[in-house]
N, C-alpha and C. Protein backbone atom coordinates (compact mmCIF):
# COMPACT_ATOMS: atom_id res chain seq x y z
N UNK A 1 2.07 11.24 23.04
CA UNK A 1 3.31 11.52 22.39
C UNK A 1 3.18 11.83 21.19
N UNK A 2 4.08 12.77 21.03
CA UNK A 2 3.66 13.17 19.23
C UNK A 2 3.96 12.59 18.21
N UNK A 3 2.51 12.69 17.37
CA UNK A 3 2.74 11.61 16.22
C UNK A 3 3.14 12.24 14.83
N UNK A 4 4.48 12.02 14.40
CA UNK A 4 4.59 12.87 12.71
C UNK A 4 3.51 12.16 12.03
N UNK A 5 3.24 13.14 10.79
CA UNK A 5 2.26 12.96 9.59
C UNK A 5 3.10 12.06 8.62
N UNK A 6 2.31 11.33 8.45
CA UNK A 6 2.48 10.59 7.79
C UNK A 6 3.20 10.28 6.48
N UNK A 7 3.95 9.89 5.96
CA UNK A 7 4.62 10.60 4.85
C UNK A 7 4.75 9.64 3.28
N UNK A 8 3.83 10.08 2.88
CA UNK A 8 3.28 9.17 1.69
C UNK A 8 3.49 9.88 0.15
N UNK A 9 3.32 10.79 -0.42
CA UNK A 9 3.35 11.30 -1.56
C UNK A 9 4.37 12.52 -1.72
N UNK A 10 5.11 12.75 -2.33
CA UNK A 10 5.80 13.67 -2.56
C UNK A 10 5.52 14.17 -3.91
N UNK A 11 6.25 15.00 -4.36
CA UNK A 11 5.68 15.76 -5.99
C UNK A 11 5.97 15.06 -7.06
N UNK A 12 7.16 14.16 -7.06
CA UNK A 12 7.39 13.05 -7.64
C UNK A 12 6.64 12.11 -8.07
N UNK A 13 5.24 11.00 -7.27
CA UNK A 13 4.83 10.80 -6.92
C UNK A 13 5.38 9.70 -6.04
N UNK A 14 6.58 9.35 -5.61
CA UNK A 14 7.24 8.33 -4.80
C UNK A 14 6.55 8.43 -3.36
N UNK A 15 6.91 7.24 -2.60
CA UNK A 15 6.29 7.08 -1.69
C UNK A 15 7.19 7.42 -0.34
N UNK A 16 7.35 8.54 0.15
CA UNK A 16 8.16 8.90 0.86
C UNK A 16 8.88 8.09 2.07
N UNK A 17 7.26 7.66 2.87
CA UNK A 17 7.22 6.63 4.00
C UNK A 17 8.54 5.46 3.64
N UNK A 18 7.70 4.53 2.59
CA UNK A 18 9.13 3.83 1.64
C UNK A 18 10.41 4.28 1.35
N UNK A 19 10.59 5.35 1.16
CA UNK A 19 12.04 5.61 0.47
C UNK A 19 12.65 6.24 2.13
N UNK A 20 12.00 6.65 2.77
CA UNK A 20 12.48 6.46 4.40
C UNK A 20 13.15 5.49 5.10
N UNK A 21 12.07 4.46 4.97
CA UNK A 21 12.11 2.85 5.54
C UNK A 21 13.61 2.53 4.62
N UNK A 22 13.95 2.63 3.23
CA UNK A 22 15.16 1.92 2.49
C UNK A 22 16.29 3.13 3.08
N UNK A 23 16.36 3.93 3.55
CA UNK A 23 17.22 4.71 4.04
C UNK A 23 17.83 4.30 5.41
N UNK A 24 16.73 3.77 5.90
CA UNK A 24 16.94 3.36 7.69
C UNK A 24 17.73 2.17 7.17
N UNK A 25 16.95 1.12 6.27
CA UNK A 25 17.76 -0.27 6.11
C UNK A 25 19.41 -0.08 5.78
N UNK A 26 19.39 1.17 4.96
CA UNK A 26 20.72 0.98 4.59
C UNK A 26 21.83 1.46 5.31
N UNK A 27 21.27 2.56 6.60
CA UNK A 27 21.76 2.37 7.67
C UNK A 27 22.49 1.59 8.29
N UNK A 28 21.28 0.37 8.77
CA UNK A 28 21.47 -0.50 9.23
C UNK A 28 22.34 -1.37 9.11
N UNK A 29 22.05 -1.57 7.67
CA UNK A 29 23.13 -2.18 7.08
C UNK A 29 24.61 -1.91 6.92
N UNK A 30 24.34 -1.02 7.12
CA UNK A 30 26.20 -0.38 6.89
C UNK A 30 26.64 -0.45 8.21
N UNK A 31 25.94 -0.27 9.24
CA UNK A 31 26.36 -0.85 10.31
C UNK A 31 26.69 -2.17 10.97
N UNK A 32 26.45 -2.86 9.97
CA UNK A 32 26.74 -4.64 9.98
C UNK A 32 25.59 -5.20 11.11
N UNK A 33 24.36 -4.65 11.01
CA UNK A 33 23.03 -4.62 12.36
C UNK A 33 22.45 -5.36 11.68
N UNK A 34 21.79 -6.60 12.53
CA UNK A 34 20.74 -7.10 11.53
C UNK A 34 19.19 -6.33 12.36
N UNK A 35 17.95 -6.45 11.78
CA UNK A 35 16.87 -6.00 12.05
C UNK A 35 16.66 -6.25 13.79
N UNK A 36 16.74 -7.39 14.55
CA UNK A 36 17.10 -7.74 15.42
C UNK A 36 17.68 -7.17 16.24
N UNK A 37 19.33 -6.85 15.56
CA UNK A 37 20.00 -6.35 16.32
C UNK A 37 19.59 -4.95 16.73
N UNK A 38 19.36 -4.01 15.83
CA UNK A 38 19.21 -2.71 15.98
C UNK A 38 18.13 -2.60 16.92
N UNK A 39 16.86 -3.54 17.13
CA UNK A 39 15.59 -3.49 17.91
C UNK A 39 16.40 -3.52 19.22
N UNK A 40 17.08 -4.68 19.60
CA UNK A 40 17.23 -4.41 20.77
C UNK A 40 17.94 -3.62 21.48
N UNK A 41 18.99 -2.95 20.29
CA UNK A 41 20.04 -1.60 20.96
C UNK A 41 19.05 -0.16 21.18
N UNK A 42 18.02 -0.23 20.49
CA UNK A 42 17.07 0.71 19.82
C UNK A 42 15.97 0.83 21.33
N UNK A 43 15.94 -0.37 21.62
CA UNK A 43 14.43 -0.61 22.17
C UNK A 43 13.28 -0.89 21.86
N UNK A 44 13.38 -0.80 20.49
CA UNK A 44 12.26 -1.09 20.16
C UNK A 44 11.68 -2.65 19.38
N UNK A 45 10.97 -3.04 19.26
CA UNK A 45 10.65 -4.79 19.32
C UNK A 45 11.14 -4.60 17.28
N UNK A 46 11.60 -5.72 17.20
CA UNK A 46 11.92 -6.36 15.48
C UNK A 46 10.87 -6.02 14.56
N UNK A 47 9.60 -5.98 15.24
CA UNK A 47 8.37 -5.95 14.08
C UNK A 47 8.28 -4.61 13.77
N UNK A 48 8.83 -3.77 14.95
CA UNK A 48 8.52 -2.17 14.48
C UNK A 48 9.96 -1.82 13.26
N UNK A 49 10.95 -2.23 13.46
CA UNK A 49 12.14 -1.97 13.14
C UNK A 49 11.44 -2.52 11.39
N UNK A 50 11.09 -3.90 11.57
CA UNK A 50 10.86 -4.03 10.18
C UNK A 50 9.72 -3.15 9.38
N UNK A 51 8.85 -2.80 10.03
CA UNK A 51 7.40 -1.89 9.87
C UNK A 51 7.95 -0.93 9.07
N UNK A 52 8.87 -0.25 10.19
CA UNK A 52 9.68 0.86 9.63
C UNK A 52 10.28 0.76 8.13
N UNK A 53 11.53 0.37 8.25
CA UNK A 53 11.80 0.25 7.09
C UNK A 53 11.01 -0.35 6.02
N UNK A 54 9.93 -0.97 6.31
CA UNK A 54 8.77 -1.27 5.00
C UNK A 54 7.93 -0.14 4.50
N UNK A 55 8.04 0.62 5.62
CA UNK A 55 7.07 2.18 5.14
C UNK A 55 5.92 1.98 5.26
N UNK A 56 5.59 1.00 6.12
CA UNK A 56 4.14 0.22 6.50
C UNK A 56 3.49 1.63 7.56
N UNK A 57 4.52 2.35 8.46
CA UNK A 57 3.87 3.14 9.12
C UNK A 57 4.84 4.65 9.62
N UNK A 58 4.00 5.76 9.97
CA UNK A 58 4.96 6.66 10.40
C UNK A 58 5.41 6.83 11.76
N UNK A 59 6.32 6.79 11.99
CA UNK A 59 6.94 6.48 13.53
C UNK A 59 6.86 7.87 14.34
N UNK A 60 6.99 7.91 15.32
CA UNK A 60 6.05 9.29 16.41
C UNK A 60 8.01 9.37 16.58
N UNK A 61 7.89 10.87 17.29
CA UNK A 61 9.37 11.46 17.57
C UNK A 61 9.82 10.78 18.76
N UNK A 62 9.09 10.20 19.17
CA UNK A 62 10.12 8.96 20.57
C UNK A 62 10.54 8.03 19.82
N UNK A 63 9.99 7.16 18.68
CA UNK A 63 10.38 6.43 18.03
C UNK A 63 11.61 6.77 17.51
N UNK A 64 11.33 7.70 16.70
CA UNK A 64 12.98 8.06 15.94
C UNK A 64 13.63 8.37 16.97
N UNK A 65 13.89 8.89 17.86
CA UNK A 65 14.69 9.42 18.97
C UNK A 65 15.52 7.88 19.47
N UNK A 66 14.66 6.90 19.75
CA UNK A 66 14.93 5.29 20.10
C UNK A 66 15.93 4.71 18.61
N UNK A 67 15.57 5.17 17.15
CA UNK A 67 16.01 4.34 16.39
C UNK A 67 17.27 5.04 16.13
N UNK A 68 17.27 6.24 16.47
CA UNK A 68 18.89 7.28 16.31
C UNK A 68 20.07 6.89 17.38
N UNK A 69 19.36 6.40 18.64
CA UNK A 69 20.23 5.95 19.37
C UNK A 69 20.93 4.49 19.44
N UNK A 70 19.83 3.55 18.41
CA UNK A 70 20.16 2.58 18.54
C UNK A 70 21.18 2.41 16.92
N UNK A 71 21.00 3.61 16.16
CA UNK A 71 22.35 3.65 14.72
C UNK A 71 23.19 4.32 15.50
N UNK A 72 23.51 5.12 16.88
CA UNK A 72 24.50 5.57 16.84
C UNK A 72 24.56 7.29 16.10
N UNK A 73 23.03 7.63 15.84
CA UNK A 73 23.13 9.21 15.26
C UNK A 73 22.47 9.71 15.89
N UNK A 74 22.34 11.45 15.27
CA UNK A 74 22.01 12.46 15.79
C UNK A 74 20.53 12.24 14.84
N UNK A 75 19.23 13.04 15.85
CA UNK A 75 18.04 12.77 14.91
C UNK A 75 18.12 13.98 13.95
N UNK A 76 18.84 14.66 13.70
CA UNK A 76 19.37 15.98 13.01
C UNK A 76 19.73 15.06 11.56
N UNK A 77 20.68 14.32 11.91
CA UNK A 77 21.47 13.65 10.92
C UNK A 77 20.95 12.30 10.38
N UNK A 78 19.61 11.85 10.98
CA UNK A 78 19.06 10.85 10.08
C UNK A 78 18.09 11.63 9.40
N UNK A 79 17.86 12.47 9.52
CA UNK A 79 16.97 13.54 8.27
C UNK A 79 17.94 14.16 7.52
N UNK A 80 18.71 14.85 7.90
CA UNK A 80 19.66 15.29 6.76
C UNK A 80 20.11 14.52 5.98
N UNK A 81 20.72 13.43 6.11
CA UNK A 81 20.83 12.08 5.14
C UNK A 81 19.66 11.72 4.06
N UNK A 82 18.56 11.82 4.50
CA UNK A 82 17.72 11.25 4.07
C UNK A 82 17.28 12.45 2.99
N UNK A 83 17.35 13.76 3.42
CA UNK A 83 16.95 14.94 2.21
C UNK A 83 18.00 14.66 1.49
N UNK A 84 19.55 14.37 1.69
CA UNK A 84 20.43 14.54 0.76
C UNK A 84 20.18 13.76 -0.53
N UNK A 85 19.55 12.74 -0.21
CA UNK A 85 19.17 11.48 -1.35
C UNK A 85 20.31 10.94 -2.16
N UNK A 86 20.32 11.17 -3.65
CA UNK A 86 21.63 10.53 -4.26
C UNK A 86 22.71 11.44 -3.90
N UNK A 87 23.16 12.33 -3.24
CA UNK A 87 24.43 12.39 -2.82
C UNK A 87 25.28 11.69 -1.66
N UNK A 88 26.03 10.47 -2.20
CA UNK A 88 26.13 9.62 -1.74
C UNK A 88 27.43 10.21 -0.81
N UNK A 89 28.56 10.79 -1.31
CA UNK A 89 29.61 11.17 -0.47
C UNK A 89 28.76 12.13 0.23
N UNK A 90 27.94 13.20 0.34
CA UNK A 90 27.83 13.96 1.76
C UNK A 90 26.72 12.94 2.72
N UNK A 91 25.86 12.08 1.96
CA UNK A 91 25.31 11.21 3.01
C UNK A 91 26.31 10.47 3.84
N UNK A 92 27.08 10.15 3.04
CA UNK A 92 28.52 8.95 4.04
C UNK A 92 28.83 10.13 4.82
N UNK A 93 29.44 11.14 4.60
CA UNK A 93 30.36 12.13 5.56
C UNK A 93 29.37 12.45 6.41
N UNK A 94 28.03 12.65 6.44
CA UNK A 94 26.96 12.77 7.50
C UNK A 94 26.84 11.78 8.59
N UNK A 95 27.23 10.56 7.90
CA UNK A 95 26.81 9.45 8.71
C UNK A 95 27.98 9.30 9.53
N UNK A 96 28.97 9.84 8.96
CA UNK A 96 30.46 9.33 9.71
C UNK A 96 30.64 10.29 10.55
N UNK A 97 29.91 11.43 10.57
CA UNK A 97 30.36 12.44 11.97
C UNK A 97 29.14 12.51 12.94
N UNK A 98 28.07 11.98 12.52
CA UNK A 98 26.89 11.70 13.35
C UNK A 98 27.21 10.50 14.31
N UNK A 99 28.62 9.79 14.06
CA UNK A 99 28.92 8.84 15.17
C UNK A 99 30.34 9.45 15.77
N UNK A 100 30.69 10.51 15.74
CA UNK A 100 31.90 10.69 16.59
C UNK A 100 31.37 11.72 17.42
N UNK A 101 32.76 11.81 18.79
CA UNK A 101 32.48 12.49 19.62
C UNK A 101 32.54 14.08 19.44
N UNK A 102 31.80 14.84 20.43
CA UNK A 102 32.31 16.27 20.12
C UNK A 102 33.60 16.88 20.14
N UNK A 103 34.71 16.34 20.48
CA UNK A 103 36.15 16.47 20.15
C UNK A 103 36.57 16.13 18.97
N UNK A 104 36.06 15.26 18.31
CA UNK A 104 36.53 14.91 17.27
C UNK A 104 36.01 15.70 15.84
N UNK A 105 34.98 15.87 16.23
CA UNK A 105 33.76 16.83 15.40
C UNK A 105 34.69 18.36 15.31
N UNK A 106 35.48 18.80 16.65
CA UNK A 106 35.95 20.02 16.44
C UNK A 106 37.09 19.85 15.60
N UNK A 107 37.83 18.95 15.81
CA UNK A 107 38.87 18.80 15.01
C UNK A 107 39.10 18.43 13.28
N UNK A 108 37.93 17.74 13.38
CA UNK A 108 37.38 17.33 11.82
C UNK A 108 37.07 18.48 10.95
N UNK A 109 36.55 19.37 11.75
CA UNK A 109 36.40 20.93 11.55
C UNK A 109 37.03 21.94 10.83
N UNK A 110 38.07 21.88 12.00
CA UNK A 110 39.50 22.58 11.82
C UNK A 110 40.01 21.91 10.56
N UNK A 111 40.12 20.73 10.25
CA UNK A 111 41.37 20.18 9.28
C UNK A 111 40.52 20.39 7.97
N UNK A 112 38.78 20.49 8.02
CA UNK A 112 37.75 20.46 6.53
C UNK A 112 37.92 21.81 5.71
N UNK A 113 38.06 22.63 7.01
CA UNK A 113 38.39 24.17 6.91
C UNK A 113 39.64 24.68 6.15
N UNK A 114 40.31 24.19 6.65
CA UNK A 114 42.10 24.34 6.27
C UNK A 114 42.15 23.61 4.55
N UNK A 115 41.99 22.62 5.15
CA UNK A 115 41.52 21.71 3.70
C UNK A 115 40.93 22.88 2.22
N UNK A 116 39.70 23.20 2.49
CA UNK A 116 39.14 23.51 1.61
C UNK A 116 39.73 25.43 1.42
N UNK A 117 40.14 25.81 2.64
CA UNK A 117 41.18 26.92 2.05
C UNK A 117 41.74 26.84 0.94
N UNK A 118 42.84 25.53 1.40
CA UNK A 118 43.89 25.60 0.16
C UNK A 118 43.52 25.09 -1.33
N UNK A 119 42.59 24.16 -1.05
CA UNK A 119 41.68 24.02 -2.40
C UNK A 119 41.56 25.11 -3.01
N UNK A 120 40.62 26.25 -2.57
CA UNK A 120 40.65 27.67 -2.97
C UNK A 120 41.28 28.18 -3.43
N UNK A 121 42.28 28.18 -2.80
CA UNK A 121 43.61 29.12 -2.88
C UNK A 121 44.47 28.63 -4.16
N UNK A 122 44.08 26.79 -3.84
CA UNK A 122 45.07 26.49 -5.55
C UNK A 122 44.31 26.74 -6.85
N UNK A 123 42.93 26.85 -6.64
CA UNK A 123 41.83 26.68 -7.55
C UNK A 123 42.09 28.32 -8.46
N UNK A 124 42.31 29.41 -7.49
CA UNK A 124 42.21 30.93 -7.57
C UNK A 124 43.58 30.92 -8.10
N UNK A 125 44.57 30.64 -7.98
CA UNK A 125 46.26 30.45 -8.24
C UNK A 125 46.11 29.61 -10.03
N UNK A 126 45.29 28.83 -10.32
CA UNK A 126 45.29 28.27 -11.43
C UNK A 126 44.72 29.22 -12.07
N UNK A 127 43.41 29.78 -12.02
CA UNK A 127 42.81 30.68 -12.66
C UNK A 127 43.70 32.03 -13.23
N UNK A 128 44.48 32.57 -11.95
CA UNK A 128 45.58 33.68 -12.64
C UNK A 128 46.66 33.08 -13.16
N UNK A 129 46.56 31.56 -13.23
CA UNK A 129 48.02 31.17 -14.29
C UNK A 129 47.43 31.01 -16.07
N UNK A 130 46.33 30.92 -15.86
CA UNK A 130 45.47 30.86 -16.80
C UNK A 130 45.51 32.00 -17.87
N UNK A 131 45.33 33.17 -16.91
CA UNK A 131 44.65 34.30 -17.33
C UNK A 131 46.03 35.41 -18.08
N UNK A 132 47.07 34.72 -17.84
CA UNK A 132 48.33 35.39 -18.04
C UNK A 132 49.24 34.85 -19.07
């Protein structure tokens, strides 16, 4: 079984394992789940969930996949949302997208592209208006 490296110190001196555990806890709570409910849904023990949330061990890839299954997240979304840190809106959007079906993601992408194009156009027009 592949074992991931221990997540300890970052350049800021923060315990990455503990921060990752807090991130997992916030994802679980956002879904209204107890540690026991997540354990049952993921096929992990409640003790594993507790230790993971506390940051006291570095999970294997298999454990992370099970955790993501219990949280209804893709593994990439779990890490992307953790890396975003304090960017709450982006993290919330990633969490939301990670729970949607493929056809819903296609529709959401189309809508967001159209929205951003309209916003960019409006901003460009506003700049033109200010120049003249």
